[in-house]
Amino acid sequence: MARVSTTGLTEMRDWLLIRVPMLAKLQAFLRDESGATAIEYGLIAAGISVAIIAVVNGIGTKLNTKFTSISSQLK
């Protein structure tokens, strides 16, 4: 029967004590979806902002054309 040194057992125990909690924390982090909601809200806000900018840009161009036309008619 082979004997295992106590130094080897101590090293293995220390290795497990460090690695097992780290793996548990990693698994908990991967299962946690609370941050995903914040990211989704951020993407929705960004999409709405792009839509507002596009609409305002289009309206601004039309208003500029209209005011230029009125200005030239008043001269």
PDB file of N, CA and C in Angstrom:
ATOM      1  N   MET A   1       0.845  -1.153   0.000  1.00  0.00           N
ATOM      2  CA  MET A   1       0.000   0.000   0.000  1.00  0.00           C
ATOM      3  C   MET A   1       0.906   1.237   0.000  1.00  0.00           C
ATOM      4  N   ALA A   2       0.590   2.180  -0.891  1.00  0.00           N
ATOM      5  CA  ALA A   2       1.401   3.390  -0.992  1.00  0.00           C
ATOM      6  C   ALA A   2       0.982   4.377   0.084  1.00  0.00           C
ATOM      7  N   ARG A   3       1.972   5.033   0.617  1.00  0.00           N
ATOM      8  CA  ARG A   3       1.689   6.030   1.649  1.00  0.00           C
ATOM      9  C   ARG A   3       1.736   7.417   1.010  1.00  0.00           C
ATOM     10  N   VAL A   4       0.812   8.245   1.403  1.00  0.00           N
ATOM     11  CA  VAL A   4       0.773   9.625   0.946  1.00  0.00           C
ATOM     12  C   VAL A   4       1.336  10.484   2.064  1.00  0.00           C
ATOM     13  N   SER A   5       2.256  11.349   1.688  1.00  0.00           N
ATOM     14  CA  SER A   5       2.866  12.180   2.726  1.00  0.00           C
ATOM     15  C   SER A   5       1.853  13.203   3.235  1.00  0.00           C
ATOM     16  N   THR A   6       2.018  13.579   4.476  1.00  0.00           N
ATOM     17  CA  THR A   6       1.107  14.572   5.047  1.00  0.00           C
ATOM     18  C   THR A   6       1.303  15.929   4.391  1.00  0.00           C
ATOM     19  N   THR A   7       2.497  16.179   3.868  1.00  0.00           N
ATOM     20  CA  THR A   7       2.735  17.433   3.151  1.00  0.00           C
ATOM     21  C   THR A   7       1.874  17.481   1.897  1.00  0.00           C
ATOM     22  N   GLY A   8       1.777  16.356   1.182  1.00  0.00           N
ATOM     23  CA  GLY A   8       0.940  16.294  -0.017  1.00  0.00           C
ATOM     24  C   GLY A   8      -0.530  16.495   0.310  1.00  0.00           C
ATOM     25  N   LEU A   9      -0.990  15.905   1.412  1.00  0.00           N
ATOM     26  CA  LEU A   9      -2.383  16.076   1.832  1.00  0.00           C
ATOM     27  C   LEU A   9      -2.660  17.528   2.227  1.00  0.00           C
ATOM     28  N   THR A  10      -1.697  18.130   2.908  1.00  0.00           N
ATOM     29  CA  THR A  10      -1.864  19.527   3.322  1.00  0.00           C
ATOM     30  C   THR A  10      -1.934  20.427   2.102  1.00  0.00           C
ATOM     31  N   GLU A  11      -1.079  20.179   1.122  1.00  0.00           N
ATOM     32  CA  GLU A  11      -1.104  20.984  -0.112  1.00  0.00           C
ATOM     33  C   GLU A  11      -2.422  20.803  -0.848  1.00  0.00           C
ATOM     34  N   MET A  12      -2.926  19.563  -0.911  1.00  0.00           N
ATOM     35  CA  MET A  12      -4.186  19.298  -1.593  1.00  0.00           C
ATOM     36  C   MET A  12      -5.340  19.982  -0.863  1.00  0.00           C
ATOM     37  N   ARG A  13      -5.325  19.913   0.482  1.00  0.00           N
ATOM     38  CA  ARG A  13      -6.367  20.557   1.269  1.00  0.00           C
ATOM     39  C   ARG A  13      -6.345  22.069   1.046  1.00  0.00           C
ATOM     40  N   ASP A  14      -5.160  22.661   1.066  1.00  0.00           N
ATOM     41  CA  ASP A  14      -5.038  24.100   0.835  1.00  0.00           C
ATOM     42  C   ASP A  14      -5.536  24.469  -0.566  1.00  0.00           C
ATOM     43  N   TRP A  15      -5.189  23.636  -1.544  1.00  0.00           N
ATOM     44  CA  TRP A  15      -5.606  23.889  -2.927  1.00  0.00           C
ATOM     45  C   TRP A  15      -7.131  23.855  -3.027  1.00  0.00           C
ATOM     46  N   LEU A  16      -7.748  22.854  -2.394  1.00  0.00           N
ATOM     47  CA  LEU A  16      -9.206  22.735  -2.431  1.00  0.00           C
ATOM     48  C   LEU A  16      -9.888  23.873  -1.695  1.00  0.00           C
ATOM     49  N   LEU A  17      -9.339  24.287  -0.558  1.00  0.00           N
ATOM     50  CA  LEU A  17      -9.936  25.370   0.218  1.00  0.00           C
ATOM     51  C   LEU A  17      -9.942  26.676  -0.569  1.00  0.00           C
ATOM     52  N   ILE A  18      -8.964  26.847  -1.431  1.00  0.00           N
ATOM     53  CA  ILE A  18      -8.902  28.061  -2.251  1.00  0.00           C
ATOM     54  C   ILE A  18      -9.792  27.918  -3.483  1.00  0.00           C
ATOM     55  N   ARG A  19      -9.713  26.798  -4.185  1.00  0.00           N
ATOM     56  CA  ARG A  19     -10.384  26.631  -5.481  1.00  0.00           C
ATOM     57  C   ARG A  19     -11.894  26.440  -5.372  1.00  0.00           C
ATOM     58  N   VAL A  20     -12.355  25.678  -4.397  1.00  0.00           N
ATOM     59  CA  VAL A  20     -13.788  25.371  -4.293  1.00  0.00           C
ATOM     60  C   VAL A  20     -14.614  26.637  -4.061  1.00  0.00           C
ATOM     61  N   PRO A  21     -14.241  27.510  -3.114  1.00  0.00           N
ATOM     62  CA  PRO A  21     -15.019  28.747  -2.963  1.00  0.00           C
ATOM     63  C   PRO A  21     -14.961  29.626  -4.215  1.00  0.00           C
ATOM     64  N   MET A  22     -13.822  29.632  -4.896  1.00  0.00           N
ATOM     65  CA  MET A  22     -13.712  30.426  -6.117  1.00  0.00           C
ATOM     66  C   MET A  22     -14.664  29.888  -7.186  1.00  0.00           C
ATOM     67  N   LEU A  23     -14.755  28.584  -7.306  1.00  0.00           N
ATOM     68  CA  LEU A  23     -15.666  27.988  -8.286  1.00  0.00           C
ATOM     69  C   LEU A  23     -17.117  28.274  -7.925  1.00  0.00           C
ATOM     70  N   ALA A  24     -17.434  28.217  -6.646  1.00  0.00           N
ATOM     71  CA  ALA A  24     -18.801  28.517  -6.210  1.00  0.00           C
ATOM     72  C   ALA A  24     -19.160  29.969  -6.526  1.00  0.00           C
ATOM     73  N   LYS A  25     -18.215  30.882  -6.281  1.00  0.00           N
ATOM     74  CA  LYS A  25     -18.464  32.288  -6.594  1.00  0.00           C
ATOM     75  C   LYS A  25     -18.607  32.506  -8.098  1.00  0.00           C
ATOM     76  N   LEU A  26     -17.799  31.812  -8.895  1.00  0.00           N
ATOM     77  CA  LEU A  26     -17.895  31.907 -10.348  1.00  0.00           C
ATOM     78  C   LEU A  26     -19.243  31.395 -10.843  1.00  0.00           C
ATOM     79  N   GLN A  27     -19.698  30.280 -10.299  1.00  0.00           N
ATOM     80  CA  GLN A  27     -20.998  29.742 -10.687  1.00  0.00           C
ATOM     81  C   GLN A  27     -22.125  30.693 -10.301  1.00  0.00           C
ATOM     82  N   ALA A  28     -22.041  31.280  -9.124  1.00  0.00           N
ATOM     83  CA  ALA A  28     -23.064  32.235  -8.690  1.00  0.00           C
ATOM     84  C   ALA A  28     -23.059  33.465  -9.589  1.00  0.00           C
ATOM     85  N   PHE A  29     -21.879  33.927  -9.973  1.00  0.00           N
ATOM     86  CA  PHE A  29     -21.768  35.085 -10.871  1.00  0.00           C
ATOM     87  C   PHE A  29     -22.387  34.776 -12.233  1.00  0.00           C
ATOM     88  N   LEU A  30     -22.131  33.593 -12.761  1.00  0.00           N
ATOM     89  CA  LEU A  30     -22.670  33.225 -14.069  1.00  0.00           C
ATOM     90  C   LEU A  30     -24.184  33.057 -14.037  1.00  0.00           C
ATOM     91  N   ARG A  31     -24.731  32.653 -12.891  1.00  0.00           N
ATOM     92  CA  ARG A  31     -26.187  32.490 -12.766  1.00  0.00           C
ATOM     93  C   ARG A  31     -26.907  33.806 -12.496  1.00  0.00           C
ATOM     94  N   ASP A  32     -26.203  34.810 -11.993  1.00  0.00           N
ATOM     95  CA  ASP A  32     -26.808  36.091 -11.631  1.00  0.00           C
ATOM     96  C   ASP A  32     -27.182  36.872 -12.893  1.00  0.00           C
ATOM     97  N   GLU A  33     -28.455  37.250 -12.999  1.00  0.00           N
ATOM     98  CA  GLU A  33     -28.930  37.979 -14.175  1.00  0.00           C
ATOM     99  C   GLU A  33     -29.366  39.404 -13.843  1.00  0.00           C
ATOM    100  N   SER A  34     -29.050  39.887 -12.658  1.00  0.00           N
ATOM    101  CA  SER A  34     -29.511  41.223 -12.271  1.00  0.00           C
ATOM    102  C   SER A  34     -28.869  42.313 -13.111  1.00  0.00           C
ATOM    103  N   GLY A  35     -27.633  42.155 -13.519  1.00  0.00           N
ATOM    104  CA  GLY A  35     -26.966  43.150 -14.357  1.00  0.00           C
ATOM    105  C   GLY A  35     -27.530  43.188 -15.761  1.00  0.00           C
ATOM    106  N   ALA A  36     -28.071  42.084 -16.238  1.00  0.00           N
ATOM    107  CA  ALA A  36     -28.620  42.026 -17.589  1.00  0.00           C
ATOM    108  C   ALA A  36     -29.785  42.992 -17.745  1.00  0.00           C
ATOM    109  N   THR A  37     -30.579  43.167 -16.721  1.00  0.00           N
ATOM    110  CA  THR A  37     -31.714  44.085 -16.788  1.00  0.00           C
ATOM    111  C   THR A  37     -31.238  45.518 -16.983  1.00  0.00           C
ATOM    112  N   ALA A  38     -30.209  45.914 -16.268  1.00  0.00           N
ATOM    113  CA  ALA A  38     -29.668  47.268 -16.408  1.00  0.00           C
ATOM    114  C   ALA A  38     -29.126  47.487 -17.819  1.00  0.00           C
ATOM    115  N   ILE A  39     -28.472  46.490 -18.362  1.00  0.00           N
ATOM    116  CA  ILE A  39     -27.932  46.602 -19.721  1.00  0.00           C
ATOM    117  C   ILE A  39     -29.081  46.718 -20.716  1.00  0.00           C
ATOM    118  N   GLU A  40     -30.128  45.944 -20.532  1.00  0.00           N
ATOM    119  CA  GLU A  40     -31.277  46.021 -21.441  1.00  0.00           C
ATOM    120  C   GLU A  40     -31.920  47.403 -21.397  1.00  0.00           C
ATOM    121  N   TYR A  41     -32.088  47.960 -20.200  1.00  0.00           N
ATOM    122  CA  TYR A  41     -32.654  49.311 -20.095  1.00  0.00           C
ATOM    123  C   TYR A  41     -31.747  50.334 -20.768  1.00  0.00           C
ATOM    124  N   GLY A  42     -30.447  50.165 -20.634  1.00  0.00           N
ATOM    125  CA  GLY A  42     -29.501  51.057 -21.298  1.00  0.00           C
ATOM    126  C   GLY A  42     -29.620  50.990 -22.808  1.00  0.00           C
ATOM    127  N   LEU A  43     -29.773  49.788 -23.345  1.00  0.00           N
ATOM    128  CA  LEU A  43     -29.932  49.635 -24.797  1.00  0.00           C
ATOM    129  C   LEU A  43     -31.245  50.242 -25.279  1.00  0.00           C
ATOM    130  N   ILE A  44     -32.299  50.082 -24.507  1.00  0.00           N
ATOM    131  CA  ILE A  44     -33.589  50.683 -24.867  1.00  0.00           C
ATOM    132  C   ILE A  44     -33.467  52.203 -24.877  1.00  0.00           C
ATOM    133  N   ALA A  45     -32.827  52.771 -23.853  1.00  0.00           N
ATOM    134  CA  ALA A  45     -32.648  54.224 -23.782  1.00  0.00           C
ATOM    135  C   ALA A  45     -31.813  54.725 -24.957  1.00  0.00           C
ATOM    136  N   ALA A  46     -30.782  53.989 -25.331  1.00  0.00           N
ATOM    137  CA  ALA A  46     -29.949  54.374 -26.469  1.00  0.00           C
ATOM    138  C   ALA A  46     -30.765  54.341 -27.762  1.00  0.00           C
ATOM    139  N   GLY A  47     -31.606  53.335 -27.933  1.00  0.00           N
ATOM    140  CA  GLY A  47     -32.446  53.246 -29.129  1.00  0.00           C
ATOM    141  C   GLY A  47     -33.431  54.394 -29.217  1.00  0.00           C
ATOM    142  N   ILE A  48     -34.045  54.727 -28.093  1.00  0.00           N
ATOM    143  CA  ILE A  48     -34.984  55.853 -28.076  1.00  0.00           C
ATOM    144  C   ILE A  48     -34.254  57.149 -28.388  1.00  0.00           C
ATOM    145  N   SER A  49     -33.048  57.320 -27.852  1.00  0.00           N
ATOM    146  CA  SER A  49     -32.263  58.527 -28.118  1.00  0.00           C
ATOM    147  C   SER A  49     -31.939  58.668 -29.595  1.00  0.00           C
ATOM    148  N   VAL A  50     -31.557  57.577 -30.230  1.00  0.00           N
ATOM    149  CA  VAL A  50     -31.249  57.611 -31.666  1.00  0.00           C
ATOM    150  C   VAL A  50     -32.495  57.986 -32.458  1.00  0.00           C
ATOM    151  N   ALA A  51     -33.642  57.434 -32.089  1.00  0.00           N
ATOM    152  CA  ALA A  51     -34.892  57.760 -32.786  1.00  0.00           C
ATOM    153  C   ALA A  51     -35.235  59.245 -32.620  1.00  0.00           C
ATOM    154  N   ILE A  52     -35.103  59.772 -31.409  1.00  0.00           N
ATOM    155  CA  ILE A  52     -35.398  61.191 -31.167  1.00  0.00           C
ATOM    156  C   ILE A  52     -34.460  62.078 -31.969  1.00  0.00           C
ATOM    157  N   ILE A  53     -33.177  61.747 -31.991  1.00  0.00           N
ATOM    158  CA  ILE A  53     -32.209  62.549 -32.751  1.00  0.00           C
ATOM    159  C   ILE A  53     -32.544  62.531 -34.235  1.00  0.00           C
ATOM    160  N   ALA A  54     -32.931  61.380 -34.770  1.00  0.00           N
ATOM    161  CA  ALA A  54     -33.276  61.288 -36.187  1.00  0.00           C
ATOM    162  C   ALA A  54     -34.500  62.148 -36.508  1.00  0.00           C
ATOM    163  N   VAL A  55     -35.527  62.100 -35.659  1.00  0.00           N
ATOM    164  CA  VAL A  55     -36.753  62.879 -35.892  1.00  0.00           C
ATOM    165  C   VAL A  55     -36.461  64.373 -35.784  1.00  0.00           C
ATOM    166  N   VAL A  56     -35.741  64.774 -34.739  1.00  0.00           N
ATOM    167  CA  VAL A  56     -35.432  66.193 -34.547  1.00  0.00           C
ATOM    168  C   VAL A  56     -34.564  66.712 -35.688  1.00  0.00           C
ATOM    169  N   ASN A  57     -33.633  65.900 -36.160  1.00  0.00           N
ATOM    170  CA  ASN A  57     -32.782  66.300 -37.281  1.00  0.00           C
ATOM    171  C   ASN A  57     -33.624  66.517 -38.537  1.00  0.00           C
ATOM    172  N   GLY A  58     -34.561  65.624 -38.804  1.00  0.00           N
ATOM    173  CA  GLY A  58     -35.440  65.774 -39.969  1.00  0.00           C
ATOM    174  C   GLY A  58     -36.331  66.995 -39.861  1.00  0.00           C
ATOM    175  N   ILE A  59     -36.911  67.230 -38.687  1.00  0.00           N
ATOM    176  CA  ILE A  59     -37.771  68.394 -38.475  1.00  0.00           C
ATOM    177  C   ILE A  59     -36.945  69.676 -38.572  1.00  0.00           C
ATOM    178  N   GLY A  60     -35.726  69.663 -38.029  1.00  0.00           N
ATOM    179  CA  GLY A  60     -34.858  70.836 -38.074  1.00  0.00           C
ATOM    180  C   GLY A  60     -34.531  71.247 -39.499  1.00  0.00           C
ATOM    181  N   THR A  61     -34.284  70.287 -40.352  1.00  0.00           N
ATOM    182  CA  THR A  61     -33.984  70.584 -41.752  1.00  0.00           C
ATOM    183  C   THR A  61     -35.200  71.199 -42.437  1.00  0.00           C
ATOM    184  N   LYS A  62     -36.380  70.650 -42.193  1.00  0.00           N
ATOM    185  CA  LYS A  62     -37.607  71.199 -42.797  1.00  0.00           C
ATOM    186  C   LYS A  62     -37.890  72.611 -42.286  1.00  0.00           C
ATOM    187  N   LEU A  63     -37.692  72.834 -40.982  1.00  0.00           N
ATOM    188  CA  LEU A  63     -37.917  74.172 -40.426  1.00  0.00           C
ATOM    189  C   LEU A  63     -36.929  75.183 -41.003  1.00  0.00           C
ATOM    190  N   ASN A  64     -35.697  74.779 -41.159  1.00  0.00           N
ATOM    191  CA  ASN A  64     -34.689  75.665 -41.727  1.00  0.00           C
ATOM    192  C   ASN A  64     -35.073  76.061 -43.148  1.00  0.00           C
ATOM    193  N   THR A  65     -35.539  75.114 -43.939  1.00  0.00           N
ATOM    194  CA  THR A  65     -35.971  75.407 -45.306  1.00  0.00           C
ATOM    195  C   THR A  65     -37.158  76.365 -45.297  1.00  0.00           C
ATOM    196  N   LYS A  66     -38.122  76.136 -44.427  1.00  0.00           N
ATOM    197  CA  LYS A  66     -39.315  76.972 -44.328  1.00  0.00           C
ATOM    198  C   LYS A  66     -38.949  78.404 -43.931  1.00  0.00           C
ATOM    199  N   PHE A  67     -38.095  78.570 -42.895  1.00  0.00           N
ATOM    200  CA  PHE A  67     -37.695  79.907 -42.452  1.00  0.00           C
ATOM    201  C   PHE A  67     -36.880  80.634 -43.524  1.00  0.00           C
ATOM    202  N   THR A  68     -36.067  79.905 -44.263  1.00  0.00           N
ATOM    203  CA  THR A  68     -35.303  80.521 -45.358  1.00  0.00           C
ATOM    204  C   THR A  68     -36.259  81.020 -46.434  1.00  0.00           C
ATOM    205  N   SER A  69     -37.280  80.237 -46.741  1.00  0.00           N
ATOM    206  CA  SER A  69     -38.267  80.643 -47.740  1.00  0.00           C
ATOM    207  C   SER A  69     -39.029  81.889 -47.277  1.00  0.00           C
ATOM    208  N   ILE A  70     -39.463  81.912 -46.041  1.00  0.00           N
ATOM    209  CA  ILE A  70     -40.194  83.067 -45.495  1.00  0.00           C
ATOM    210  C   ILE A  70     -39.293  84.298 -45.499  1.00  0.00           C
ATOM    211  N   SER A  71     -38.031  84.120 -45.122  1.00  0.00           N
ATOM    212  CA  SER A  71     -37.098  85.235 -45.075  1.00  0.00           C
ATOM    213  C   SER A  71     -36.885  85.836 -46.462  1.00  0.00           C
ATOM    214  N   SER A  72     -36.754  84.979 -47.444  1.00  0.00           N
ATOM    215  CA  SER A  72     -36.529  85.498 -48.807  1.00  0.00           C
ATOM    216  C   SER A  72     -37.785  86.182 -49.345  1.00  0.00           C
ATOM    217  N   GLN A  73     -38.963  85.722 -48.948  1.00  0.00           N
ATOM    218  CA  GLN A  73     -40.210  86.368 -49.394  1.00  0.00           C
ATOM    219  C   GLN A  73     -40.404  87.727 -48.736  1.00  0.00           C
ATOM    220  N   LEU A  74     -39.891  87.910 -47.511  1.00  0.00           N
ATOM    221  CA  LEU A  74     -40.042  89.183 -46.817  1.00  0.00           C
ATOM    222  C   LEU A  74     -39.090  90.251 -47.344  1.00  0.00           C
ATOM    223  N   LYS A  75     -38.040  89.885 -48.023  1.00  0.00           N
ATOM    224  CA  LYS A  75     -37.075  90.869 -48.530  1.00  0.00           C
ATOM    225  C   LYS A  75     -37.550  91.587 -49.719  1.00  0.00           C
TER     226      LYS A  75
END
